Amino acid sequence: MASNNLSPWKTIPVECANYVKDYMMGRAYKIDVERVSKEAGIYAKSVQLGGDGKDVWVFNVDETLLSNLPYYVEHGYGYDSDS
């Protein structure tokens, strides 16, 4: 079941805030970030370049290269809509 099929949320439900906080501040989030980073590195090393100097990497900076953790900390882990 997808979490976005229940309501068009502007924030996460208040009862979920502590779960999000516990995940993002705990060991599981760090492990997930390390795993994604490792997989991205493995993928990058597997790409065959054309050899003509015209190959380019394009990153979606808002989610690919930056952590959302500071935002979540400042906004009640997704619950605070006033900030």
C-alpha atoms as a PDB file:
ATOM      1  CA  MET A   1       0.000   0.000   0.000  1.00  0.00           C
ATOM      2  CA  ALA A   2       1.364   3.412  -0.919  1.00  0.00           C
ATOM      3  CA  SER A   3       1.343   6.074   1.772  1.00  0.00           C
ATOM      4  CA  ASN A   4       0.153   8.737  -0.643  1.00  0.00           C
ATOM      5  CA  ASN A   5      -3.132   7.021  -1.440  1.00  0.00           C
ATOM      6  CA  LEU A   6      -4.810   7.970   1.851  1.00  0.00           C
ATOM      7  CA  SER A   7      -4.896  11.742   1.590  1.00  0.00           C
ATOM      8  CA  PRO A   8      -3.134  14.576  -0.207  1.00  0.00           C
ATOM      9  CA  TRP A   9      -0.865  15.297   2.763  1.00  0.00           C
ATOM     10  CA  LYS A  10       0.806  18.655   3.265  1.00  0.00           C
ATOM     11  CA  THR A  11       2.596  17.188   6.285  1.00  0.00           C
ATOM     12  CA  ILE A  12       2.892  13.715   7.714  1.00  0.00           C
ATOM     13  CA  PRO A  13       0.238  12.720  10.266  1.00  0.00           C
ATOM     14  CA  VAL A  14       1.206  13.747  13.790  1.00  0.00           C
ATOM     15  CA  GLU A  15       1.175  10.119  14.923  1.00  0.00           C
ATOM     16  CA  CYS A  16       3.947   9.354  12.403  1.00  0.00           C
ATOM     17  CA  ALA A  17       6.360  12.140  13.416  1.00  0.00           C
ATOM     18  CA  ASN A  18       8.154  10.097  16.082  1.00  0.00           C
ATOM     19  CA  TYR A  19       8.564   7.151  13.709  1.00  0.00           C
ATOM     20  CA  VAL A  20      10.136   9.419  11.092  1.00  0.00           C
ATOM     21  CA  LYS A  21      12.374  11.016  13.734  1.00  0.00           C
ATOM     22  CA  ASP A  22      13.477   7.655  15.122  1.00  0.00           C
ATOM     23  CA  TYR A  23      14.282   6.396  11.627  1.00  0.00           C
ATOM     24  CA  MET A  24      16.158   9.497  10.468  1.00  0.00           C
ATOM     25  CA  MET A  25      18.137   9.945  13.681  1.00  0.00           C
ATOM     26  CA  GLY A  26      18.840   6.271  14.132  1.00  0.00           C
ATOM     27  CA  ARG A  27      21.141   3.685  12.663  1.00  0.00           C
ATOM     28  CA  ALA A  28      18.750   2.539   9.906  1.00  0.00           C
ATOM     29  CA  TYR A  29      18.819   5.892   8.058  1.00  0.00           C
ATOM     30  CA  LYS A  30      22.623   5.973   8.118  1.00  0.00           C
ATOM     31  CA  ILE A  31      22.774   2.407   6.812  1.00  0.00           C
ATOM     32  CA  ASP A  32      20.276   3.235   4.052  1.00  0.00           C
ATOM     33  CA  VAL A  33      22.264   6.322   2.979  1.00  0.00           C
ATOM     34  CA  GLU A  34      25.512   4.330   2.949  1.00  0.00           C
ATOM     35  CA  ARG A  35      23.877   1.565   0.892  1.00  0.00           C
ATOM     36  CA  VAL A  36      22.454   3.976  -1.671  1.00  0.00           C
ATOM     37  CA  SER A  37      25.838   5.710  -1.939  1.00  0.00           C
ATOM     38  CA  LYS A  38      27.587   2.389  -2.472  1.00  0.00           C
ATOM     39  CA  GLU A  39      25.086   1.300  -5.132  1.00  0.00           C
ATOM     40  CA  ALA A  40      25.437   4.658  -6.921  1.00  0.00           C
ATOM     41  CA  GLY A  41      29.210   4.205  -6.992  1.00  0.00           C
ATOM     42  CA  ILE A  42      28.908   0.677  -8.359  1.00  0.00           C
ATOM     43  CA  TYR A  43      26.550   1.904 -11.069  1.00  0.00           C
ATOM     44  CA  ALA A  44      28.794   4.852 -11.975  1.00  0.00           C
ATOM     45  CA  LYS A  45      31.788   2.543 -12.387  1.00  0.00           C
ATOM     46  CA  SER A  46      29.783   0.268 -14.682  1.00  0.00           C
ATOM     47  CA  VAL A  47      28.796   2.947 -17.215  1.00  0.00           C
ATOM     48  CA  GLN A  48      30.582   2.675 -20.535  1.00  0.00           C
ATOM     49  CA  LEU A  49      31.793   6.105 -21.602  1.00  0.00           C
ATOM     50  CA  GLY A  50      31.901   7.055 -25.279  1.00  0.00           C
ATOM     51  CA  GLY A  51      35.541   8.115 -25.123  1.00  0.00           C
ATOM     52  CA  ASP A  52      34.877  11.310 -27.061  1.00  0.00           C
ATOM     53  CA  GLY A  53      34.927  13.623 -24.026  1.00  0.00           C
ATOM     54  CA  LYS A  54      31.239  14.439 -24.410  1.00  0.00           C
ATOM     55  CA  ASP A  55      29.859  12.264 -21.606  1.00  0.00           C
ATOM     56  CA  VAL A  56      28.085  14.150 -18.821  1.00  0.00           C
ATOM     57  CA  TRP A  57      26.632  13.316 -15.391  1.00  0.00           C
ATOM     58  CA  VAL A  58      23.446  15.189 -14.477  1.00  0.00           C
ATOM     59  CA  PHE A  59      22.336  15.191 -10.850  1.00  0.00           C
ATOM     60  CA  ASN A  60      18.981  16.164  -9.406  1.00  0.00           C
ATOM     61  CA  VAL A  61      20.528  18.352  -6.708  1.00  0.00           C
ATOM     62  CA  ASP A  62      17.413  18.774  -4.572  1.00  0.00           C
ATOM     63  CA  GLU A  63      17.226  15.076  -3.697  1.00  0.00           C
ATOM     64  CA  THR A  64      20.195  13.288  -5.223  1.00  0.00           C
ATOM     65  CA  LEU A  65      23.122  15.136  -3.704  1.00  0.00           C
ATOM     66  CA  LEU A  66      21.646  16.728  -0.611  1.00  0.00           C
ATOM     67  CA  SER A  67      20.348  15.131   2.547  1.00  0.00           C
ATOM     68  CA  ASN A  68      16.803  15.945   3.612  1.00  0.00           C
ATOM     69  CA  LEU A  69      17.795  15.419   7.246  1.00  0.00           C
ATOM     70  CA  PRO A  70      18.378  19.120   8.126  1.00  0.00           C
ATOM     71  CA  TYR A  71      14.966  19.999   6.669  1.00  0.00           C
ATOM     72  CA  TYR A  72      13.254  17.255   8.653  1.00  0.00           C
ATOM     73  CA  VAL A  73      15.002  18.315  11.874  1.00  0.00           C
ATOM     74  CA  GLU A  74      13.877  21.936  11.374  1.00  0.00           C
ATOM     75  CA  HIS A  75      10.304  20.957  10.450  1.00  0.00           C
ATOM     76  CA  GLY A  76       9.324  18.485  13.148  1.00  0.00           C
ATOM     77  CA  TYR A  77      10.315  15.486  11.009  1.00  0.00           C
ATOM     78  CA  GLY A  78       7.629  16.306   8.469  1.00  0.00           C
ATOM     79  CA  TYR A  79       4.824  17.297  10.798  1.00  0.00           C
ATOM     80  CA  ASP A  80       5.433  21.043  11.242  1.00  0.00           C
ATOM     81  CA  SER A  81       3.711  22.935   8.435  1.00  0.00           C
ATOM     82  CA  ASP A  82       4.321  26.409   9.874  1.00  0.00           C
ATOM     83  CA  SER A  83       8.027  26.493   9.007  1.00  0.00           C
END
